[in-house]
Amino acid sequence: MEIFIVYGGNKDYHAMIQVAEGAPEPPLLVKLKVTGSNVEFIQPEHAGSLSVLGNFKGKITARGLTGKFEKETALRVLKRKNSYWQ
């Protein structure tokens, strides 16, 4: 899983999420709620395999993004690094 956070202007942020389990799925763009270093996004119904995970809450640090989807028990740690596709 890769999550890219981009600034959309007018104090809006978005997250582009891509999952690849075998073959990559099309990227999903969602609006991101940012409060300090905390982030949150709501999964749309058309989120593909991500929709079964529910919404996401996490925290951005110098090391990366740590958080969890509401239907998971374990934290995910996504380190800052180049994309798999680069």
Protein backbone atom coordinates (compact mmCIF):
# COMPACT_ATOMS: atom_id res chain seq x y z
CA MET A 1 0.00 0.00 0.00
CA GLU A 2 1.19 3.48 -0.85
CA ILE A 3 -0.35 6.72 0.35
CA PHE A 4 0.66 10.07 -1.13
CA ILE A 5 -0.56 13.21 0.61
CA VAL A 6 -0.90 16.27 -1.60
CA TYR A 7 -1.98 19.84 -1.00
CA GLY A 8 -5.03 20.79 -3.04
CA GLY A 9 -4.99 24.53 -2.35
CA ASN A 10 -7.43 26.49 -0.21
CA LYS A 11 -6.28 24.57 2.92
CA ASP A 12 -7.46 21.27 1.41
CA TYR A 13 -5.40 18.09 1.44
CA HIS A 14 -5.99 14.85 -0.44
CA ALA A 15 -4.57 11.35 -0.16
CA MET A 16 -3.89 9.19 -3.19
CA ILE A 17 -3.97 5.56 -2.11
CA GLN A 18 -2.85 2.59 -4.16
CA VAL A 19 -2.95 -1.06 -3.18
CA ALA A 20 -1.09 -3.78 -5.03
CA GLU A 21 -1.62 -7.36 -3.98
CA GLY A 22 -0.43 -9.12 -7.08
CA ALA A 23 -1.52 -6.57 -9.67
CA PRO A 24 -1.95 -2.90 -8.72
CA GLU A 25 -5.45 -1.49 -8.36
CA PRO A 26 -6.31 1.94 -9.78
CA PRO A 27 -5.33 4.72 -7.36
CA LEU A 28 -8.04 6.17 -5.16
CA LEU A 29 -8.18 9.90 -4.37
CA VAL A 30 -9.88 10.91 -1.11
CA LYS A 31 -10.21 14.15 0.82
CA LEU A 32 -7.93 14.21 3.86
CA LYS A 33 -8.76 15.85 7.18
CA VAL A 34 -5.57 17.25 8.70
CA THR A 35 -5.33 18.44 12.31
CA GLY A 36 -1.74 19.19 13.22
CA SER A 37 0.11 15.94 12.52
CA ASN A 38 -3.06 13.82 12.69
CA VAL A 39 -4.80 12.74 9.50
CA GLU A 40 -8.09 11.03 8.75
CA PHE A 41 -9.91 9.95 5.62
CA ILE A 42 -13.24 8.34 4.91
CA GLN A 43 -13.45 5.50 2.41
CA PRO A 44 -15.94 6.01 -0.39
CA GLU A 45 -18.17 3.07 -1.29
CA HIS A 46 -16.32 2.56 -4.58
CA ALA A 47 -12.95 2.04 -2.84
CA GLY A 48 -12.38 -1.48 -4.20
CA SER A 49 -10.49 -3.77 -1.84
CA LEU A 50 -9.89 -0.84 0.54
CA SER A 51 -13.61 -0.49 1.28
CA VAL A 52 -13.53 -3.58 3.51
CA LEU A 53 -10.98 -1.86 5.77
CA GLY A 54 -13.13 1.14 6.66
CA ASN A 55 -11.97 4.66 7.45
CA PHE A 56 -8.38 5.54 8.37
CA LYS A 57 -6.91 7.56 11.27
CA GLY A 58 -3.21 8.15 11.67
CA LYS A 59 -0.31 10.42 12.46
CA ILE A 60 2.43 11.83 10.25
CA THR A 61 5.95 11.88 11.67
CA ALA A 62 9.43 12.42 10.27
CA ARG A 63 9.62 8.63 9.76
CA GLY A 64 6.33 8.24 7.89
CA LEU A 65 2.65 7.56 8.45
CA THR A 66 1.43 5.41 11.32
CA GLY A 67 -2.23 4.58 11.77
CA LYS A 68 -4.96 2.05 11.27
CA PHE A 69 -8.12 1.39 9.38
CA GLU A 70 -11.17 1.07 11.62
CA LYS A 71 -11.70 -2.63 10.82
CA GLU A 72 -8.09 -3.61 11.56
CA THR A 73 -6.54 -4.34 14.93
CA ALA A 74 -2.88 -3.77 14.05
CA LEU A 75 -1.23 -0.43 13.31
CA ARG A 76 0.18 0.13 9.86
CA VAL A 77 3.56 1.83 9.56
CA LEU A 78 4.25 3.29 6.13
CA LYS A 79 7.83 4.61 6.00
CA ARG A 80 8.74 7.66 3.95
CA LYS A 81 10.45 6.40 0.81
CA ASN A 82 10.28 6.47 -2.95
CA SER A 83 7.31 4.84 -4.58
CA TYR A 84 7.59 1.21 -5.57
CA TRP A 85 6.99 2.41 -9.14
CA GLN A 86 9.94 4.86 -9.17
